[in-house]
Amino acid sequence: MRVSYQSLGLMLLCVFFLGMKHPERKFVVVIDPGHGGKDPGAEASNTKLYSHEKDICLSVSIKLADYLAERLPNTKVILTRSSDKFLKLEERVFIANGANADVFLSIHCNTNPVKRIHGTQMHIHGSASPQSVFLAKTLDSEFSKKARRASKGLQDSNSRGHDLFVLQYTEMPSVLVEIGFLSNENEEKYLNSEHGQAVIASAMFRAIRTYRTRFSED
């Protein structure tokens, strides 16, 4: 059978493309440092010693982004802000949805008039998203068991009595993490320390790694 050069070239091209490995889709994590710019969030008790919520959230978020980039292959990390910049809630949601993210994590610090209250707390929109529930529970477990942080548990829109915009309108599994209470003297000191921020970021990294192992399609 006589095969033309054109047919032979087409056959070789098909073999080439069939033999190629399609690049894996990256696992996309959007990290949202709470507040920023004109919005300080919870304010420091002493600005000569400590930072406002917006600065702590940014510092922890950058640490987490670095851990993910260095230690979790084939991951794309997006920060909604990487500087002291004010962002509307709608802008944060737009960034996450536009990136087709696999996970959205909004990082905040808590405050309470009762100074003795301390610990981490996880927020989701609702239990209809099993992935959000799993991520929130995994984060809580990492904080309480590995990082030895007190846990204030998990809340959704029903238990807290209101919606949180960035959880309500993001289209992927989403958790808002309260990493501690700046109103508590010991916790404020801890959250302002390099060690404390590294421990918090490491706990979140491990939780995201566990989540990816469970749900990623890679």
Protein backbone atom coordinates (compact mmCIF):
# COMPACT_ATOMS: atom_id res chain seq x y z
CA MET A 1 0.00 0.00 0.00
CA ARG A 2 1.36 3.35 -1.00
CA VAL A 3 1.17 6.07 1.63
CA SER A 4 1.56 9.70 0.60
CA TYR A 5 3.97 12.02 2.38
CA GLN A 6 0.97 14.11 3.45
CA SER A 7 -0.78 11.11 5.04
CA LEU A 8 2.43 9.98 6.70
CA GLY A 9 2.96 13.44 8.14
CA LEU A 10 -0.57 13.51 9.51
CA MET A 11 -0.10 10.09 11.12
CA LEU A 12 3.15 11.15 12.77
CA LEU A 13 1.50 14.33 14.03
CA CYS A 14 -1.34 12.32 15.59
CA VAL A 15 1.14 9.98 17.25
CA PHE A 16 3.04 13.01 18.61
CA PHE A 17 -0.04 14.62 20.14
CA LEU A 18 -1.35 11.34 21.56
CA GLY A 19 1.99 10.79 23.23
CA MET A 20 2.05 14.21 24.81
CA LYS A 21 1.06 14.55 28.44
CA HIS A 22 -1.55 17.20 28.99
CA PRO A 23 -0.40 19.70 31.62
CA GLU A 24 -2.15 19.27 34.93
CA ARG A 25 -4.55 22.01 35.95
CA LYS A 26 -3.10 23.98 38.80
CA PHE A 27 -4.79 23.89 42.20
CA VAL A 28 -5.82 27.51 42.77
CA VAL A 29 -5.89 29.00 46.27
CA VAL A 30 -7.13 32.56 46.84
CA ILE A 31 -6.00 34.05 50.16
CA ASP A 32 -7.87 37.12 51.32
CA PRO A 33 -6.13 39.22 54.01
CA GLY A 34 -8.97 40.96 55.83
CA HIS A 35 -9.43 44.75 55.91
CA GLY A 36 -6.64 47.02 54.61
CA GLY A 37 -5.96 50.65 53.80
CA LYS A 38 -8.46 52.98 55.48
CA ASP A 39 -10.06 49.99 57.23
CA PRO A 40 -7.74 48.82 60.07
CA GLY A 41 -10.10 46.17 61.42
CA ALA A 42 -9.55 45.43 65.11
CA GLU A 43 -7.12 48.03 66.39
CA ALA A 44 -3.93 47.42 68.34
CA SER A 45 -3.99 48.11 72.07
CA ASN A 46 -0.68 49.93 71.73
CA THR A 47 0.47 51.02 68.27
CA LYS A 48 4.06 51.40 69.48
CA LEU A 49 4.19 47.70 70.30
CA TYR A 50 1.59 46.01 68.12
CA SER A 51 -0.07 46.10 64.70
CA HIS A 52 -3.70 46.50 63.69
CA GLU A 53 -5.68 43.55 62.37
CA LYS A 54 -5.15 44.53 58.73
CA ASP A 55 -1.35 44.29 59.09
CA ILE A 56 -1.36 41.00 61.00
CA CYS A 57 -3.71 39.44 58.45
CA LEU A 58 -1.48 40.54 55.58
CA SER A 59 1.67 39.23 57.23
CA VAL A 60 0.12 35.82 57.98
CA SER A 61 -1.38 35.64 54.48
CA ILE A 62 1.99 36.27 52.84
CA LYS A 63 3.58 33.56 55.00
CA LEU A 64 0.84 31.12 54.02
CA ALA A 65 1.23 32.02 50.35
CA ASP A 66 4.97 31.37 50.57
CA TYR A 67 4.46 27.99 52.25
CA LEU A 68 1.99 26.93 49.58
CA ALA A 69 4.20 28.08 46.72
CA GLU A 70 7.27 26.35 48.15
CA ARG A 71 5.76 23.12 49.49
CA LEU A 72 2.65 22.26 47.46
CA PRO A 73 3.56 21.51 43.82
CA ASN A 74 1.34 22.58 40.94
CA THR A 75 -0.41 25.21 43.07
CA LYS A 76 -1.29 28.75 42.04
CA VAL A 77 -1.65 31.19 44.93
CA ILE A 78 -3.47 34.50 44.56
CA LEU A 79 -3.59 37.19 47.25
CA THR A 80 -6.55 39.56 47.02
CA ARG A 81 -4.15 42.22 48.30
CA SER A 82 -0.39 42.14 48.83
CA SER A 83 -0.06 45.59 50.37
CA ASP A 84 -1.91 47.93 52.74
CA LYS A 85 -4.71 48.48 50.25
CA PHE A 86 -8.43 48.93 50.81
CA LEU A 87 -10.63 46.49 48.88
CA LYS A 88 -14.40 46.37 48.79
CA LEU A 89 -15.98 43.02 49.64
CA GLU A 90 -17.30 42.81 46.08
CA GLU A 91 -13.74 43.13 44.75
CA ARG A 92 -12.52 40.26 46.91
CA VAL A 93 -15.34 38.03 45.65
CA PHE A 94 -14.68 39.10 42.05
CA ILE A 95 -11.01 38.11 42.33
CA ALA A 96 -11.83 34.67 43.73
CA ASN A 97 -14.61 33.88 41.25
CA GLY A 98 -12.61 35.27 38.35
CA ALA A 99 -9.69 33.02 39.20
CA ASN A 100 -11.92 29.93 39.22
CA ALA A 101 -10.35 29.14 42.58
CA ASP A 102 -10.48 25.73 44.23
CA VAL A 103 -10.32 27.25 47.73
CA PHE A 104 -10.96 30.70 49.18
CA LEU A 105 -9.56 31.55 52.60
CA SER A 106 -10.32 34.91 54.22
CA ILE A 107 -8.04 35.68 57.17
CA HIS A 108 -9.12 37.89 60.09
CA CYS A 109 -8.47 38.62 63.75
CA ASN A 110 -11.23 38.69 66.34
CA THR A 111 -12.11 41.05 69.18
CA ASN A 112 -14.43 40.93 72.19
CA PRO A 113 -15.23 43.29 75.08
CA VAL A 114 -14.60 40.36 77.42
CA LYS A 115 -10.81 40.37 77.48
CA ARG A 116 -10.34 36.81 78.69
CA ILE A 117 -11.92 35.30 75.56
CA HIS A 118 -9.35 33.85 73.19
CA GLY A 119 -8.92 31.22 70.49
CA THR A 120 -9.48 30.57 66.80
CA GLN A 121 -12.85 30.38 65.07
CA MET A 122 -13.95 29.10 61.65
CA HIS A 123 -16.82 30.56 59.62
CA ILE A 124 -18.58 29.07 56.59
CA HIS A 125 -21.70 30.15 54.74
CA GLY A 126 -23.65 26.93 55.27
CA SER A 127 -23.46 23.18 55.62
CA ALA A 128 -24.77 22.67 52.07
CA SER A 129 -21.14 22.72 50.93
CA PRO A 130 -19.45 19.58 52.31
CA GLN A 131 -16.10 20.81 51.02
CA SER A 132 -16.37 24.03 53.02
CA VAL A 133 -17.34 22.05 56.11
CA PHE A 134 -14.42 19.66 55.63
CA LEU A 135 -11.92 22.50 55.14
CA ALA A 136 -13.23 24.39 58.19
CA LYS A 137 -13.07 21.30 60.39
CA THR A 138 -9.59 20.46 59.12
CA LEU A 139 -8.41 23.98 59.87
CA ASP A 140 -9.93 23.79 63.33
CA SER A 141 -8.23 20.45 63.96
CA GLU A 142 -4.84 21.75 62.84
CA PHE A 143 -5.16 24.78 65.09
CA SER A 144 -6.30 22.89 68.17
CA LYS A 145 -4.30 19.64 67.91
CA LYS A 146 -1.07 20.63 66.18
CA ALA A 147 -0.77 24.36 66.89
CA ARG A 148 -2.31 23.92 70.38
CA ARG A 149 -4.68 26.85 69.99
CA ALA A 150 -7.95 27.15 71.87
CA SER A 151 -10.92 26.59 69.56
CA LYS A 152 -14.11 28.66 69.49
CA GLY A 153 -15.56 26.18 67.04
CA LEU A 154 -17.30 26.45 63.69
CA GLN A 155 -20.17 28.78 62.79
CA ASP A 156 -22.38 29.14 59.72
CA SER A 157 -24.87 31.84 58.77
CA ASN A 158 -27.59 30.24 60.91
CA SER A 159 -25.57 29.87 64.11
CA ARG A 160 -24.06 33.36 63.93
CA GLY A 161 -27.35 34.94 62.83
CA HIS A 162 -26.12 36.73 59.71
CA ASP A 163 -24.36 36.20 56.39
CA LEU A 164 -20.76 37.07 55.60
CA PHE A 165 -20.52 38.58 52.12
CA VAL A 166 -17.26 36.94 51.03
CA LEU A 167 -18.60 33.51 52.01
CA GLN A 168 -22.09 34.02 50.62
CA TYR A 169 -21.01 35.05 47.12
CA THR A 170 -17.81 33.13 46.43
CA GLU A 171 -18.48 30.16 44.14
CA MET A 172 -15.93 27.74 45.62
CA PRO A 173 -15.37 26.12 49.03
CA SER A 174 -14.74 29.08 51.33
CA VAL A 175 -13.78 29.62 54.95
CA LEU A 176 -13.28 32.80 56.94
CA VAL A 177 -10.68 32.16 59.63
CA GLU A 178 -10.49 34.19 62.82
CA ILE A 179 -6.91 33.47 63.93
CA GLY A 180 -7.25 34.92 67.44
CA PHE A 181 -8.51 37.77 69.61
CA LEU A 182 -6.55 41.03 69.61
CA SER A 183 -8.63 42.04 72.63
CA ASN A 184 -6.87 39.35 74.67
CA GLU A 185 -3.49 40.55 75.97
CA ASN A 186 -1.64 37.26 75.56
CA GLU A 187 -3.15 36.49 72.19
CA GLU A 188 -2.41 39.95 70.82
CA LYS A 189 1.23 39.47 71.76
CA TYR A 190 1.27 36.01 70.18
CA LEU A 191 -0.34 37.13 66.92
CA ASN A 192 2.14 39.97 66.58
CA SER A 193 5.12 37.65 67.03
CA GLU A 194 7.07 36.06 64.18
CA HIS A 195 6.71 32.67 65.87
CA GLY A 196 2.96 32.98 66.37
CA GLN A 197 2.36 34.03 62.77
CA ALA A 198 4.51 31.16 61.48
CA VAL A 199 2.59 28.62 63.59
CA ILE A 200 -0.76 29.97 62.35
CA ALA A 201 0.34 29.99 58.70
CA SER A 202 1.77 26.47 59.01
CA ALA A 203 -1.50 25.16 60.44
CA MET A 204 -3.45 26.63 57.53
CA PHE A 205 -0.96 25.23 55.04
CA ARG A 206 -1.37 21.71 56.43
CA ALA A 207 -5.16 22.01 56.32
CA ILE A 208 -5.12 23.09 52.66
CA ARG A 209 -2.71 20.27 51.81
CA THR A 210 -5.07 17.76 53.46
CA TYR A 211 -8.04 19.28 51.64
CA ARG A 212 -6.26 19.04 48.29
CA THR A 213 -5.41 15.37 48.89
CA ARG A 214 -9.08 14.68 49.63
CA PHE A 215 -10.79 16.67 46.88
CA SER A 216 -8.32 17.59 44.15
CA GLU A 217 -8.88 16.04 40.73
CA ASP A 218 -5.16 16.02 39.92
